[in-house]
C-alpha atoms as a PDB file:
ATOM      1  CA  MET A   1       6.890  -7.856 -34.844  1.00  0.00           C
ATOM      2  CA  PRO A   2       8.961  -9.802 -37.467  1.00  0.00           C
ATOM      3  CA  HIS A   3       7.321 -11.355 -40.119  1.00  0.00           C
ATOM      4  CA  GLY A   4       6.677 -14.864 -40.958  1.00  0.00           C
ATOM      5  CA  LEU A   5       5.619 -15.836 -37.257  1.00  0.00           C
ATOM      6  CA  PRO A   6       2.173 -17.708 -37.198  1.00  0.00           C
ATOM      7  CA  PRO A   7      -0.859 -16.018 -37.119  1.00  0.00           C
ATOM      8  CA  ALA A   8      -1.703 -18.306 -33.233  1.00  0.00           C
ATOM      9  CA  VAL A   9       1.612 -16.747 -31.878  1.00  0.00           C
ATOM     10  CA  THR A  10       0.995 -13.129 -33.223  1.00  0.00           C
ATOM     11  CA  LEU A  11      -2.415 -13.290 -31.751  1.00  0.00           C
ATOM     12  CA  ALA A  12      -0.743 -14.370 -28.365  1.00  0.00           C
ATOM     13  CA  VAL A  13       1.861 -11.302 -28.478  1.00  0.00           C
ATOM     14  CA  ASP A  14      -0.958  -9.046 -29.420  1.00  0.00           C
ATOM     15  CA  ALA A  15      -3.239 -10.405 -26.676  1.00  0.00           C
ATOM     16  CA  ALA A  16      -0.609 -10.436 -23.791  1.00  0.00           C
ATOM     17  CA  ALA A  17       0.705  -6.378 -24.555  1.00  0.00           C
ATOM     18  CA  ALA A  18      -3.124  -5.715 -24.009  1.00  0.00           C
ATOM     19  CA  THR A  19      -3.748  -7.444 -20.602  1.00  0.00           C
ATOM     20  CA  VAL A  20      -0.474  -5.767 -19.346  1.00  0.00           C
ATOM     21  CA  ARG A  21      -1.785  -2.584 -20.526  1.00  0.00           C
ATOM     22  CA  SER A  22      -5.119  -3.079 -18.756  1.00  0.00           C
ATOM     23  CA  VAL A  23      -3.376  -4.341 -15.480  1.00  0.00           C
ATOM     24  CA  ASP A  24      -1.043  -1.344 -15.586  1.00  0.00           C
ATOM     25  CA  GLU A  25      -4.222   0.941 -16.127  1.00  0.00           C
ATOM     26  CA  MET A  26      -6.677  -0.603 -13.155  1.00  0.00           C
ATOM     27  CA  ALA A  27      -3.320  -0.699 -10.724  1.00  0.00           C
ATOM     28  CA  ARG A  28      -2.773   2.997 -10.711  1.00  0.00           C
ATOM     29  CA  GLU A  29      -5.559   4.317  -8.046  1.00  0.00           C
ATOM     30  CA  PRO A  30      -6.591   8.534  -7.919  1.00  0.00           C
ATOM     31  CA  ALA A  31      -3.794  11.212  -7.487  1.00  0.00           C
ATOM     32  CA  ASP A  32      -5.670  12.186  -4.313  1.00  0.00           C
ATOM     33  CA  ILE A  33      -6.463   8.758  -3.153  1.00  0.00           C
ATOM     34  CA  ALA A  34      -2.445   8.404  -3.025  1.00  0.00           C
ATOM     35  CA  GLU A  35      -1.974  11.759  -1.908  1.00  0.00           C
ATOM     36  CA  LEU A  36      -4.482  10.582   1.227  1.00  0.00           C
ATOM     37  CA  ARG A  37      -2.785   7.807   1.552  1.00  0.00           C
ATOM     38  CA  ARG A  38       0.657   9.314   2.046  1.00  0.00           C
ATOM     39  CA  ALA A  39      -0.304  11.824   4.145  1.00  0.00           C
ATOM     40  CA  ILE A  40      -2.544   9.270   6.491  1.00  0.00           C
ATOM     41  CA  GLY A  41       1.169   7.149   6.845  1.00  0.00           C
ATOM     42  CA  GLU A  42       2.645  10.671   7.581  1.00  0.00           C
ATOM     43  CA  ARG A  43       0.696  10.749  10.818  1.00  0.00           C
ATOM     44  CA  LEU A  44       1.448   7.020  11.144  1.00  0.00           C
ATOM     45  CA  VAL A  45       5.072   8.447  11.759  1.00  0.00           C
ATOM     46  CA  THR A  46       4.550  11.318  13.742  1.00  0.00           C
ATOM     47  CA  PHE A  47       2.104   8.487  16.597  1.00  0.00           C
ATOM     48  CA  ARG A  48       4.381   6.490  16.625  1.00  0.00           C
ATOM     49  CA  LYS A  49       7.792   8.175  16.962  1.00  0.00           C
ATOM     50  CA  ALA A  50       5.779  10.481  19.718  1.00  0.00           C
ATOM     51  CA  ALA A  51       4.643   7.316  21.080  1.00  0.00           C
ATOM     52  CA  ASP A  52       8.704   5.897  21.030  1.00  0.00           C
ATOM     53  CA  ILE A  53       7.057   2.433  18.666  1.00  0.00           C
ATOM     54  CA  THR A  54       9.607   1.686  16.003  1.00  0.00           C
ATOM     55  CA  GLN A  55       8.609   0.366  12.813  1.00  0.00           C
ATOM     56  CA  GLY A  56       9.452  -3.387  13.871  1.00  0.00           C
ATOM     57  CA  GLN A  57       7.908  -3.180  17.434  1.00  0.00           C
ATOM     58  CA  LEU A  58       4.351  -1.584  15.560  1.00  0.00           C
ATOM     59  CA  ALA A  59       4.900  -4.600  12.795  1.00  0.00           C
ATOM     60  CA  ALA A  60       5.108  -7.618  15.547  1.00  0.00           C
ATOM     61  CA  ALA A  61       2.046  -6.653  17.072  1.00  0.00           C
ATOM     62  CA  ALA A  62      -0.331  -6.115  13.595  1.00  0.00           C
ATOM     63  CA  TYR A  63       1.893 -10.010  12.922  1.00  0.00           C
ATOM     64  CA  LEU A  64       3.405  -7.879  10.086  1.00  0.00           C
ATOM     65  CA  ASP A  65       6.733  -7.138   8.560  1.00  0.00           C
ATOM     66  CA  ARG A  66       8.777  -4.187   8.883  1.00  0.00           C
ATOM     67  CA  THR A  67       9.443  -3.665   5.679  1.00  0.00           C
ATOM     68  CA  THR A  68       5.213  -4.003   5.538  1.00  0.00           C
ATOM     69  CA  VAL A  69       4.956  -0.918   8.479  1.00  0.00           C
ATOM     70  CA  SER A  70       7.347   1.302   5.858  1.00  0.00           C
ATOM     71  CA  HIS A  71       5.338   0.779   3.025  1.00  0.00           C
ATOM     72  CA  VAL A  72       2.325   1.718   4.491  1.00  0.00           C
ATOM     73  CA  GLU A  73       3.974   5.058   6.614  1.00  0.00           C
ATOM     74  CA  LYS A  74       5.519   5.483   2.899  1.00  0.00           C
ATOM     75  CA  GLY A  75       1.786   5.478   1.363  1.00  0.00           C
ATOM     76  CA  ARG A  76       2.961   2.725  -0.564  1.00  0.00           C
ATOM     77  CA  ALA A  77       0.847  -0.436   0.364  1.00  0.00           C
ATOM     78  CA  ARG A  78      -2.437  -0.222   2.019  1.00  0.00           C
ATOM     79  CA  ALA A  79      -3.044  -1.412   5.754  1.00  0.00           C
ATOM     80  CA  ASP A  80      -6.878  -3.038   7.253  1.00  0.00           C
ATOM     81  CA  GLU A  81      -8.520  -1.942  10.018  1.00  0.00           C
ATOM     82  CA  ALA A  82      -7.165  -4.596  12.255  1.00  0.00           C
ATOM     83  CA  PHE A  83      -3.709  -2.847  11.802  1.00  0.00           C
ATOM     84  CA  TRP A  84      -4.927   0.362  11.953  1.00  0.00           C
ATOM     85  CA  GLN A  85      -6.404  -0.567  14.695  1.00  0.00           C
ATOM     86  CA  THR A  86      -3.133  -2.065  16.579  1.00  0.00           C
ATOM     87  CA  ALA A  87      -1.395   1.268  15.319  1.00  0.00           C
ATOM     88  CA  ASP A  88      -4.072   2.796  17.159  1.00  0.00           C
ATOM     89  CA  ARG A  89      -4.124   1.015  20.921  1.00  0.00           C
ATOM     90  CA  LEU A  90      -0.161   1.081  20.690  1.00  0.00           C
ATOM     91  CA  THR A  91       0.515   4.929  19.674  1.00  0.00           C
ATOM     92  CA  GLU A  92      -2.828   5.445  22.072  1.00  0.00           C
ATOM     93  CA  ALA A  93      -4.152   8.322  19.517  1.00  0.00           C
ATOM     94  CA  GLY A  94      -7.108   7.393  21.106  1.00  0.00           C
ATOM     95  CA  GLY A  95      -9.292   7.426  17.705  1.00  0.00           C
ATOM     96  CA  GLN A  96      -7.032  10.567  16.051  1.00  0.00           C
ATOM     97  CA  PRO A  97      -6.177   9.907  12.683  1.00  0.00           C
ATOM     98  CA  PRO A  98      -4.836   7.384  11.389  1.00  0.00           C
ATOM     99  CA  GLY A  99      -6.796   5.536  13.768  1.00  0.00           C
ATOM    100  CA  GLN A 100     -10.133   7.095  12.254  1.00  0.00           C
ATOM    101  CA  TRP A 101      -9.390   6.353   8.711  1.00  0.00           C
ATOM    102  CA  SER A 102      -9.684   2.476   8.939  1.00  0.00           C
END
């Protein structure tokens, strides 16, 4: 931090940096949860392709955009219960994962 800045500016910058660090720490989820999210996404891809359904078709049925479905399949996004119920119904998974892991 350059010298000569008013103390209030220095305090504000320090507080902003502390907030960014705490938000980064909160955003991380445990590695085992992240791995489960990736695994369920892979199962979704398997079921979706076996049912000959595109990401776009699943997205339209779930009232989402295709990129959201892509992120769920890669484990980078969470999906709510309604999404998993829609995926279960469209893929005719019969409650098999991923539908039961909502």
